[in-house]
Amino acid sequence: MANPAEPLFLLATYQVRPGQQEAVEAALATLRDHTRQEPGNLYYQVHRVPDHPGRIHLYKIYRNAAALEAHRATEHFQRYLLGDVLPRLESRQGERLQPLPPTDLVNAAALSQS
């Protein structure tokens, strides 16, 4: 089991229903902007997959498990992800990633702050 004090590196893959791409991308852009303001969020980026219509990847890094739980409790998560994005998806998958050291994408000083 993972250490709850360690950073969480997450990858989500969404397959968007036909005709819903624009609405999903708009909602995820708003969610991204709000999420980046959270003190426990270290990175949040939405990616379109050009060779696979309707596929979106979200790469996210949270300071720790508590920061992820705090994110899931926010109004913007409830409104934009649960209320707007999820009903427009055909499927979704989430994975927790374990980076190989050194962790270059994250500022080491940011990880050491509590």
N, C-alpha and C. Protein backbone atom coordinates (compact mmCIF):
# COMPACT_ATOMS: atom_id res chain seq x y z
N MET A 1 0.84 -1.19 0.00
CA MET A 1 0.00 0.00 0.00
C MET A 1 0.88 1.24 0.00
N ALA A 2 0.40 2.28 -0.65
CA ALA A 2 1.17 3.51 -0.79
C ALA A 2 1.20 4.29 0.51
N ASN A 3 2.26 5.04 0.68
CA ASN A 3 2.40 5.93 1.83
C ASN A 3 1.47 7.13 1.61
N PRO A 4 0.53 7.41 2.53
CA PRO A 4 -0.42 8.50 2.33
C PRO A 4 0.22 9.88 2.35
N ALA A 5 1.48 9.99 2.78
CA ALA A 5 2.17 11.28 2.80
C ALA A 5 2.95 11.55 1.52
N GLU A 6 3.08 10.55 0.67
CA GLU A 6 3.83 10.71 -0.57
C GLU A 6 2.98 11.35 -1.65
N PRO A 7 3.62 12.01 -2.61
CA PRO A 7 2.88 12.58 -3.74
C PRO A 7 2.18 11.48 -4.54
N LEU A 8 1.04 11.84 -5.12
CA LEU A 8 0.29 10.92 -5.98
C LEU A 8 0.41 11.38 -7.42
N PHE A 9 0.82 10.48 -8.28
CA PHE A 9 0.92 10.72 -9.71
C PHE A 9 -0.20 9.91 -10.36
N LEU A 10 -1.11 10.58 -11.05
CA LEU A 10 -2.30 9.91 -11.56
C LEU A 10 -2.47 10.16 -13.06
N LEU A 11 -2.97 9.16 -13.74
CA LEU A 11 -3.31 9.27 -15.15
C LEU A 11 -4.74 8.79 -15.33
N ALA A 12 -5.57 9.63 -15.90
CA ALA A 12 -6.95 9.25 -16.21
C ALA A 12 -7.11 9.25 -17.73
N THR A 13 -7.81 8.25 -18.24
CA THR A 13 -8.09 8.16 -19.67
C THR A 13 -9.60 8.14 -19.86
N TYR A 14 -10.08 9.06 -20.67
CA TYR A 14 -11.51 9.18 -20.94
C TYR A 14 -11.76 8.93 -22.42
N GLN A 15 -12.84 8.22 -22.71
CA GLN A 15 -13.33 8.12 -24.08
C GLN A 15 -14.66 8.87 -24.11
N VAL A 16 -14.69 9.93 -24.88
CA VAL A 16 -15.83 10.83 -24.93
C VAL A 16 -16.86 10.32 -25.94
N ARG A 17 -18.12 10.45 -25.59
CA ARG A 17 -19.20 10.08 -26.52
C ARG A 17 -19.13 10.96 -27.77
N PRO A 18 -19.48 10.41 -28.93
CA PRO A 18 -19.48 11.22 -30.16
C PRO A 18 -20.34 12.48 -29.98
N GLY A 19 -19.81 13.59 -30.48
CA GLY A 19 -20.52 14.86 -30.42
C GLY A 19 -20.37 15.61 -29.10
N GLN A 20 -19.63 15.03 -28.15
CA GLN A 20 -19.50 15.65 -26.82
C GLN A 20 -18.10 16.21 -26.55
N GLN A 21 -17.18 16.09 -27.51
CA GLN A 21 -15.79 16.49 -27.30
C GLN A 21 -15.65 17.95 -26.88
N GLU A 22 -16.30 18.84 -27.58
CA GLU A 22 -16.16 20.27 -27.29
C GLU A 22 -16.65 20.60 -25.88
N ALA A 23 -17.79 20.05 -25.49
CA ALA A 23 -18.33 20.31 -24.15
C ALA A 23 -17.43 19.73 -23.06
N VAL A 24 -16.90 18.54 -23.29
CA VAL A 24 -16.01 17.90 -22.31
C VAL A 24 -14.73 18.71 -22.18
N GLU A 25 -14.14 19.11 -23.29
CA GLU A 25 -12.90 19.88 -23.22
C GLU A 25 -13.12 21.22 -22.51
N ALA A 26 -14.24 21.87 -22.75
CA ALA A 26 -14.52 23.14 -22.08
C ALA A 26 -14.67 22.93 -20.57
N ALA A 27 -15.39 21.90 -20.17
CA ALA A 27 -15.58 21.62 -18.74
C ALA A 27 -14.25 21.26 -18.08
N LEU A 28 -13.43 20.45 -18.77
CA LEU A 28 -12.13 20.07 -18.21
C LEU A 28 -11.17 21.26 -18.13
N ALA A 29 -11.25 22.18 -19.06
CA ALA A 29 -10.41 23.38 -18.99
C ALA A 29 -10.77 24.21 -17.76
N THR A 30 -12.05 24.33 -17.49
CA THR A 30 -12.49 25.07 -16.30
C THR A 30 -12.07 24.34 -15.04
N LEU A 31 -12.27 23.03 -15.02
CA LEU A 31 -11.85 22.23 -13.87
C LEU A 31 -10.34 22.35 -13.66
N ARG A 32 -9.57 22.28 -14.72
CA ARG A 32 -8.12 22.42 -14.64
C ARG A 32 -7.72 23.75 -14.00
N ASP A 33 -8.34 24.83 -14.46
CA ASP A 33 -8.01 26.15 -13.93
C ASP A 33 -8.30 26.26 -12.44
N HIS A 34 -9.42 25.72 -12.00
CA HIS A 34 -9.75 25.73 -10.57
C HIS A 34 -8.80 24.82 -9.78
N THR A 35 -8.54 23.64 -10.33
CA THR A 35 -7.72 22.66 -9.62
C THR A 35 -6.30 23.17 -9.41
N ARG A 36 -5.76 23.87 -10.38
CA ARG A 36 -4.41 24.40 -10.26
C ARG A 36 -4.27 25.42 -9.13
N GLN A 37 -5.39 25.94 -8.66
CA GLN A 37 -5.37 26.90 -7.56
C GLN A 37 -5.39 26.21 -6.19
N GLU A 38 -5.65 24.92 -6.16
CA GLU A 38 -5.69 24.19 -4.89
C GLU A 38 -4.27 24.05 -4.32
N PRO A 39 -4.11 24.26 -3.02
CA PRO A 39 -2.76 24.17 -2.44
C PRO A 39 -2.14 22.78 -2.54
N GLY A 40 -2.94 21.74 -2.62
CA GLY A 40 -2.41 20.38 -2.69
C GLY A 40 -2.18 19.86 -4.09
N ASN A 41 -2.52 20.66 -5.10
CA ASN A 41 -2.30 20.24 -6.48
C ASN A 41 -0.95 20.75 -6.94
N LEU A 42 -0.13 19.85 -7.46
CA LEU A 42 1.19 20.22 -7.96
C LEU A 42 1.23 20.29 -9.48
N TYR A 43 0.31 19.58 -10.15
CA TYR A 43 0.29 19.58 -11.61
C TYR A 43 -1.05 19.03 -12.06
N TYR A 44 -1.60 19.62 -13.12
CA TYR A 44 -2.86 19.15 -13.68
C TYR A 44 -2.88 19.57 -15.14
N GLN A 45 -2.86 18.59 -16.04
CA GLN A 45 -2.86 18.90 -17.47
C GLN A 45 -3.81 17.96 -18.20
N VAL A 46 -4.57 18.53 -19.11
CA VAL A 46 -5.51 17.78 -19.95
C VAL A 46 -4.86 17.64 -21.33
N HIS A 47 -4.92 16.42 -21.89
CA HIS A 47 -4.32 16.15 -23.20
C HIS A 47 -5.37 15.53 -24.13
N ARG A 48 -5.45 16.04 -25.33
CA ARG A 48 -6.24 15.43 -26.40
C ARG A 48 -5.32 14.45 -27.13
N VAL A 49 -5.85 13.32 -27.60
CA VAL A 49 -5.05 12.34 -28.34
C VAL A 49 -5.41 12.48 -29.81
N PRO A 50 -4.55 13.12 -30.60
CA PRO A 50 -4.90 13.43 -31.99
C PRO A 50 -5.26 12.22 -32.85
N ASP A 51 -4.61 11.08 -32.62
CA ASP A 51 -4.85 9.91 -33.46
C ASP A 51 -6.02 9.05 -33.00
N HIS A 52 -6.67 9.45 -31.91
CA HIS A 52 -7.80 8.70 -31.37
C HIS A 52 -8.92 9.68 -31.02
N PRO A 53 -9.82 9.93 -31.96
CA PRO A 53 -10.90 10.89 -31.71
C PRO A 53 -11.67 10.55 -30.43
N GLY A 54 -11.89 11.57 -29.64
CA GLY A 54 -12.67 11.40 -28.42
C GLY A 54 -11.87 10.93 -27.22
N ARG A 55 -10.59 10.65 -27.38
CA ARG A 55 -9.80 10.18 -26.24
C ARG A 55 -9.08 11.37 -25.60
N ILE A 56 -9.16 11.40 -24.28
CA ILE A 56 -8.52 12.45 -23.49
C ILE A 56 -7.75 11.80 -22.35
N HIS A 57 -6.56 12.33 -22.09
CA HIS A 57 -5.77 11.90 -20.92
C HIS A 57 -5.63 13.09 -19.98
N LEU A 58 -5.74 12.83 -18.70
CA LEU A 58 -5.46 13.84 -17.68
C LEU A 58 -4.28 13.33 -16.87
N TYR A 59 -3.26 14.16 -16.77
CA TYR A 59 -2.11 13.82 -15.94
C TYR A 59 -2.13 14.76 -14.75
N LYS A 60 -2.11 14.17 -13.54
CA LYS A 60 -2.31 14.97 -12.33
C LYS A 60 -1.31 14.54 -11.27
N ILE A 61 -0.83 15.52 -10.51
CA ILE A 61 0.03 15.23 -9.38
C ILE A 61 -0.52 15.98 -8.17
N TYR A 62 -0.72 15.25 -7.09
CA TYR A 62 -1.19 15.83 -5.83
C TYR A 62 -0.12 15.64 -4.77
N ARG A 63 -0.05 16.58 -3.87
CA ARG A 63 0.96 16.57 -2.81
C ARG A 63 0.91 15.27 -2.01
N ASN A 64 -0.30 14.75 -1.76
CA ASN A 64 -0.47 13.53 -0.97
C ASN A 64 -1.92 13.06 -1.11
N ALA A 65 -2.25 11.97 -0.45
CA ALA A 65 -3.61 11.41 -0.53
C ALA A 65 -4.65 12.38 0.02
N ALA A 66 -4.31 13.11 1.07
CA ALA A 66 -5.25 14.07 1.65
C ALA A 66 -5.57 15.19 0.65
N ALA A 67 -4.58 15.60 -0.13
CA ALA A 67 -4.81 16.64 -1.15
C ALA A 67 -5.76 16.14 -2.23
N LEU A 68 -5.63 14.87 -2.61
CA LEU A 68 -6.56 14.30 -3.59
C LEU A 68 -7.97 14.25 -3.02
N GLU A 69 -8.10 13.83 -1.79
CA GLU A 69 -9.43 13.79 -1.16
C GLU A 69 -10.03 15.18 -1.05
N ALA A 70 -9.21 16.17 -0.72
CA ALA A 70 -9.70 17.56 -0.65
C ALA A 70 -10.17 18.01 -2.02
N HIS A 71 -9.44 17.63 -3.07
CA HIS A 71 -9.84 17.97 -4.44
C HIS A 71 -11.20 17.38 -4.77
N ARG A 72 -11.38 16.12 -4.43
CA ARG A 72 -12.65 15.45 -4.74
C ARG A 72 -13.84 16.04 -3.99
N ALA A 73 -13.58 16.75 -2.91
CA ALA A 73 -14.65 17.37 -2.13
C ALA A 73 -14.99 18.79 -2.59
N THR A 74 -14.23 19.33 -3.55
CA THR A 74 -14.46 20.71 -3.98
C THR A 74 -15.73 20.83 -4.81
N GLU A 75 -16.26 22.04 -4.81
CA GLU A 75 -17.45 22.33 -5.61
C GLU A 75 -17.13 22.17 -7.10
N HIS A 76 -15.94 22.60 -7.52
CA HIS A 76 -15.62 22.51 -8.95
C HIS A 76 -15.46 21.06 -9.40
N PHE A 77 -14.95 20.16 -8.58
CA PHE A 77 -14.88 18.74 -8.94
C PHE A 77 -16.29 18.18 -9.08
N GLN A 78 -17.12 18.46 -8.10
CA GLN A 78 -18.51 17.97 -8.12
C GLN A 78 -19.26 18.49 -9.35
N ARG A 79 -19.10 19.78 -9.61
CA ARG A 79 -19.86 20.40 -10.69
C ARG A 79 -19.34 19.99 -12.07
N TYR A 80 -18.04 20.17 -12.30
CA TYR A 80 -17.52 19.98 -13.65
C TYR A 80 -17.21 18.52 -13.99
N LEU A 81 -16.60 17.80 -13.08
CA LEU A 81 -16.27 16.41 -13.41
C LEU A 81 -17.49 15.51 -13.24
N LEU A 82 -18.02 15.47 -12.03
CA LEU A 82 -19.14 14.56 -11.78
C LEU A 82 -20.41 14.98 -12.51
N GLY A 83 -20.70 16.27 -12.51
CA GLY A 83 -21.96 16.74 -13.09
C GLY A 83 -21.95 16.94 -14.59
N ASP A 84 -20.81 17.32 -15.14
CA ASP A 84 -20.78 17.67 -16.56
C ASP A 84 -19.99 16.67 -17.41
N VAL A 85 -18.79 16.31 -16.99
CA VAL A 85 -17.94 15.46 -17.82
C VAL A 85 -18.39 14.00 -17.82
N LEU A 86 -18.52 13.40 -16.64
CA LEU A 86 -18.80 11.96 -16.58
C LEU A 86 -20.02 11.53 -17.38
N PRO A 87 -21.13 12.27 -17.37
CA PRO A 87 -22.28 11.82 -18.18
C PRO A 87 -22.01 11.84 -19.68
N ARG A 88 -20.95 12.50 -20.12
CA ARG A 88 -20.64 12.61 -21.55
C ARG A 88 -19.60 11.59 -22.02
N LEU A 89 -19.20 10.69 -21.13
CA LEU A 89 -18.16 9.72 -21.46
C LEU A 89 -18.73 8.35 -21.80
N GLU A 90 -18.05 7.66 -22.71
CA GLU A 90 -18.35 6.26 -22.97
C GLU A 90 -17.66 5.39 -21.94
N SER A 91 -16.43 5.79 -21.58
CA SER A 91 -15.65 5.02 -20.61
C SER A 91 -14.62 5.92 -19.96
N ARG A 92 -14.10 5.42 -18.83
CA ARG A 92 -13.00 6.11 -18.16
C ARG A 92 -12.18 5.09 -17.41
N GLN A 93 -10.91 5.38 -17.27
CA GLN A 93 -9.99 4.50 -16.56
C GLN A 93 -9.00 5.38 -15.82
N GLY A 94 -8.65 4.99 -14.62
CA GLY A 94 -7.67 5.73 -13.85
C GLY A 94 -6.56 4.81 -13.38
N GLU A 95 -5.35 5.37 -13.35
CA GLU A 95 -4.20 4.60 -12.88
C GLU A 95 -3.34 5.49 -11.99
N ARG A 96 -2.78 4.88 -10.97
CA ARG A 96 -1.78 5.55 -10.16
C ARG A 96 -0.43 5.16 -10.72
N LEU A 97 0.42 6.14 -10.94
CA LEU A 97 1.72 5.92 -11.53
C LEU A 97 2.81 6.04 -10.47
N GLN A 98 3.91 5.38 -10.70
CA GLN A 98 5.06 5.48 -9.82
C GLN A 98 6.24 5.93 -10.67
N PRO A 99 6.67 7.19 -10.50
CA PRO A 99 7.77 7.68 -11.32
C PRO A 99 9.09 7.04 -10.94
N LEU A 100 9.94 6.90 -11.92
CA LEU A 100 11.29 6.44 -11.67
C LEU A 100 12.12 7.65 -11.24
N PRO A 101 12.93 7.50 -10.22
CA PRO A 101 13.72 8.64 -9.77
C PRO A 101 14.79 9.00 -10.80
N PRO A 102 15.20 10.23 -10.85
CA PRO A 102 14.64 11.35 -10.10
C PRO A 102 13.33 11.82 -10.72
N THR A 103 12.51 12.44 -9.93
CA THR A 103 11.22 12.94 -10.39
C THR A 103 11.44 14.34 -10.96
N ASP A 104 11.66 14.42 -12.24
CA ASP A 104 12.03 15.67 -12.90
C ASP A 104 10.88 16.64 -13.09
N LEU A 105 9.66 16.15 -13.24
CA LEU A 105 8.54 17.03 -13.54
C LEU A 105 8.05 17.84 -12.36
N VAL A 106 8.48 17.47 -11.19
CA VAL A 106 8.00 18.14 -9.99
C VAL A 106 9.16 18.82 -9.29
N ASN A 107 8.94 20.04 -8.91
CA ASN A 107 9.95 20.78 -8.17
C ASN A 107 10.14 20.11 -6.81
N ALA A 108 11.32 19.62 -6.53
CA ALA A 108 11.58 18.92 -5.27
C ALA A 108 11.29 19.80 -4.07
N ALA A 109 11.51 21.10 -4.19
CA ALA A 109 11.22 22.01 -3.07
C ALA A 109 9.72 22.04 -2.80
N ALA A 110 8.90 21.97 -3.83
CA ALA A 110 7.45 21.98 -3.64
C ALA A 110 7.00 20.73 -2.91
N LEU A 111 7.63 19.60 -3.20
CA LEU A 111 7.25 18.36 -2.54
C LEU A 111 7.63 18.37 -1.06
N SER A 112 8.68 19.07 -0.70
CA SER A 112 9.13 19.06 0.70
C SER A 112 8.33 20.02 1.56
N GLN A 113 7.55 20.91 0.96
CA GLN A 113 6.72 21.83 1.74
C GLN A 113 5.48 21.11 2.23
N SER A 114 5.03 21.45 3.42
CA SER A 114 3.81 20.80 3.91
C SER A 114 2.67 21.75 3.97
